[in-house]
Amino acid sequence: MKKKRAEEDIVLSSMVFIILTVVFFSAMFFFIHDKSSQKSTYEQAYAKQIALLIDFAKPVMNISINISKLIAIAEKNNYKKEDIVKINPDKNEVVVMLSGRGGYAKKYFSEYDVRTYIKDEFLIITVNEKEEENA
């Protein structure tokens, strides 16, 4: 009776080990695949580029950037092109996202009012002075 119980424990332990191993390697595969894809690289590169452009911009300035590569990747991931680049004015950061998950955020230092919109294949960045709030 004890021998049968010991065999069951060994089989159960082996099954748990195999399942955990498969789950671990699957997670590693998806992580590496996601990070090695062009999506991640483009998100990071464009977020940094846009943040630098905002930092070097002066008030009342319009900047246009060709983002046709970003639009193509976003469309391949069934993601709307209007949501590719977002500006978070509370945190002073640019967020570039090419699918419904993930994305890359990069902070900028300028204290300007920054707005973006997409026209055709260009991202238009408008930089203006922040309006003073009356308290």
Protein backbone atom coordinates (compact mmCIF):
# COMPACT_ATOMS: atom_id res chain seq x y z
CA MET A 1 0.00 0.00 0.00
CA LYS A 2 2.81 2.43 0.89
CA LYS A 3 4.64 1.56 -2.30
CA LYS A 4 1.63 2.48 -4.41
CA ARG A 5 1.27 5.81 -2.58
CA ALA A 6 4.96 6.58 -3.11
CA GLU A 7 4.63 5.85 -6.84
CA GLU A 8 1.60 8.17 -7.06
CA ASP A 9 3.57 10.94 -5.34
CA ILE A 10 6.46 10.53 -7.77
CA VAL A 11 4.13 10.62 -10.78
CA LEU A 12 2.30 13.66 -9.42
CA SER A 13 5.57 15.49 -8.71
CA SER A 14 6.83 14.69 -12.20
CA MET A 15 3.60 15.95 -13.79
CA VAL A 16 3.73 19.22 -11.83
CA PHE A 17 7.39 19.70 -12.78
CA ILE A 18 6.66 19.11 -16.47
CA ILE A 19 3.67 21.48 -16.46
CA LEU A 20 5.63 24.23 -14.70
CA THR A 21 8.54 23.78 -17.08
CA VAL A 22 6.27 24.09 -20.13
CA VAL A 23 4.59 27.20 -18.68
CA PHE A 24 7.97 28.80 -17.88
CA PHE A 25 9.45 28.19 -21.32
CA SER A 26 6.25 29.33 -23.04
CA ALA A 27 6.33 32.58 -21.10
CA MET A 28 10.01 33.06 -21.94
CA PHE A 29 9.32 32.40 -25.62
CA PHE A 30 6.52 34.98 -25.79
CA PHE A 31 8.59 37.55 -23.86
CA ILE A 32 11.61 37.14 -26.14
CA HIS A 33 9.45 37.13 -29.25
CA ASP A 34 7.70 40.34 -28.18
CA LYS A 35 10.95 42.12 -27.30
CA SER A 36 12.73 41.03 -30.46
CA SER A 37 9.91 42.12 -32.74
CA GLN A 38 10.12 45.33 -34.68
CA LYS A 39 7.11 46.64 -32.77
CA SER A 40 9.04 47.07 -29.56
CA THR A 41 12.04 48.60 -31.31
CA TYR A 42 9.96 51.15 -33.21
CA GLU A 43 7.96 52.10 -30.11
CA GLN A 44 11.13 52.82 -28.20
CA ALA A 45 12.92 54.67 -31.01
CA TYR A 46 10.01 56.93 -31.92
CA ALA A 47 9.11 57.72 -28.30
CA LYS A 48 12.69 58.84 -27.64
CA GLN A 49 12.84 60.83 -30.89
CA ILE A 50 9.56 62.63 -30.17
CA ALA A 51 10.58 63.42 -26.58
CA LEU A 52 13.86 64.93 -27.81
CA LEU A 53 12.06 66.99 -30.44
CA ILE A 54 9.69 68.35 -27.79
CA ASP A 55 12.62 69.23 -25.53
CA PHE A 56 14.36 71.17 -28.31
CA ALA A 57 11.19 72.85 -29.55
CA LYS A 58 10.28 76.46 -28.87
CA PRO A 59 6.76 77.76 -28.21
CA VAL A 60 4.48 78.27 -31.19
CA MET A 61 6.22 75.59 -33.21
CA ASN A 62 4.79 72.81 -35.37
CA ILE A 63 6.83 69.68 -36.01
CA SER A 64 5.90 66.95 -38.49
CA ILE A 65 7.30 63.44 -38.44
CA ASN A 66 6.72 60.74 -41.05
CA ILE A 67 5.26 57.78 -39.13
CA SER A 68 4.28 55.56 -42.06
CA LYS A 69 6.25 52.64 -40.57
CA LEU A 70 4.39 52.99 -37.28
CA ILE A 71 1.04 53.15 -39.04
CA ALA A 72 1.83 49.98 -41.03
CA ILE A 73 2.78 48.07 -37.87
CA ALA A 74 -0.27 49.34 -35.97
CA GLU A 75 -2.60 48.35 -38.80
CA LYS A 76 -1.02 44.89 -38.87
CA ASN A 77 -1.88 44.64 -35.15
CA ASN A 78 -5.44 45.95 -35.75
CA TYR A 79 -4.70 49.12 -33.79
CA LYS A 80 -6.09 52.56 -34.64
CA LYS A 81 -3.55 55.02 -35.98
CA GLU A 82 -5.06 57.83 -33.88
CA ASP A 83 -3.92 56.00 -30.73
CA ILE A 84 -0.30 55.40 -31.78
CA VAL A 85 1.20 58.50 -30.11
CA LYS A 86 -0.24 59.97 -26.93
CA ILE A 87 1.04 62.85 -24.85
CA ASN A 88 0.49 62.66 -21.09
CA PRO A 89 0.77 66.31 -19.96
CA ASP A 90 0.49 65.45 -16.25
CA LYS A 91 3.64 63.33 -16.37
CA ASN A 92 5.33 65.14 -19.27
CA GLU A 93 5.70 61.93 -21.23
CA VAL A 94 5.23 60.61 -24.73
CA VAL A 95 3.65 57.17 -25.08
CA VAL A 96 4.03 55.25 -28.35
CA MET A 97 1.87 52.15 -28.60
CA LEU A 98 1.51 49.95 -31.69
CA SER A 99 -0.87 47.35 -30.29
CA GLY A 100 -3.43 47.11 -27.53
CA ARG A 101 -0.83 46.18 -24.93
CA GLY A 102 2.60 47.30 -23.93
CA GLY A 103 3.90 50.47 -25.49
CA TYR A 104 6.83 52.63 -24.53
CA ALA A 105 6.75 55.84 -22.51
CA LYS A 106 9.51 58.46 -22.51
CA LYS A 107 9.55 61.59 -20.37
CA TYR A 108 10.38 65.02 -21.72
CA PHE A 109 11.50 68.03 -19.69
CA SER A 110 9.84 70.97 -21.43
CA GLU A 111 6.97 72.66 -19.63
CA TYR A 112 5.00 73.47 -22.77
CA ASP A 113 1.49 72.70 -23.91
CA VAL A 114 2.12 69.84 -26.37
CA ARG A 115 -0.58 68.44 -28.64
CA THR A 116 -0.44 65.86 -31.40
CA TYR A 117 -2.60 64.73 -34.28
CA ILE A 118 -2.08 62.57 -37.35
CA LYS A 119 -2.57 63.91 -40.86
CA ASP A 120 -2.09 61.35 -43.63
CA GLU A 121 1.19 59.62 -42.73
CA PHE A 122 2.57 62.44 -40.61
CA LEU A 123 2.43 63.07 -36.90
CA ILE A 124 1.98 66.79 -36.29
CA ILE A 125 3.27 68.03 -32.93
CA THR A 126 2.15 71.49 -31.83
CA VAL A 127 4.16 73.15 -29.07
CA ASN A 128 2.75 76.21 -27.30
CA GLU A 129 3.26 78.04 -24.02
CA LYS A 130 1.25 76.59 -21.14
CA GLU A 131 -1.62 78.79 -20.16
CA GLU A 132 -1.45 80.03 -16.61
CA GLU A 133 -4.27 78.75 -14.44
CA ASN A 134 -6.06 81.38 -12.41
CA ALA A 135 -6.48 80.18 -8.85
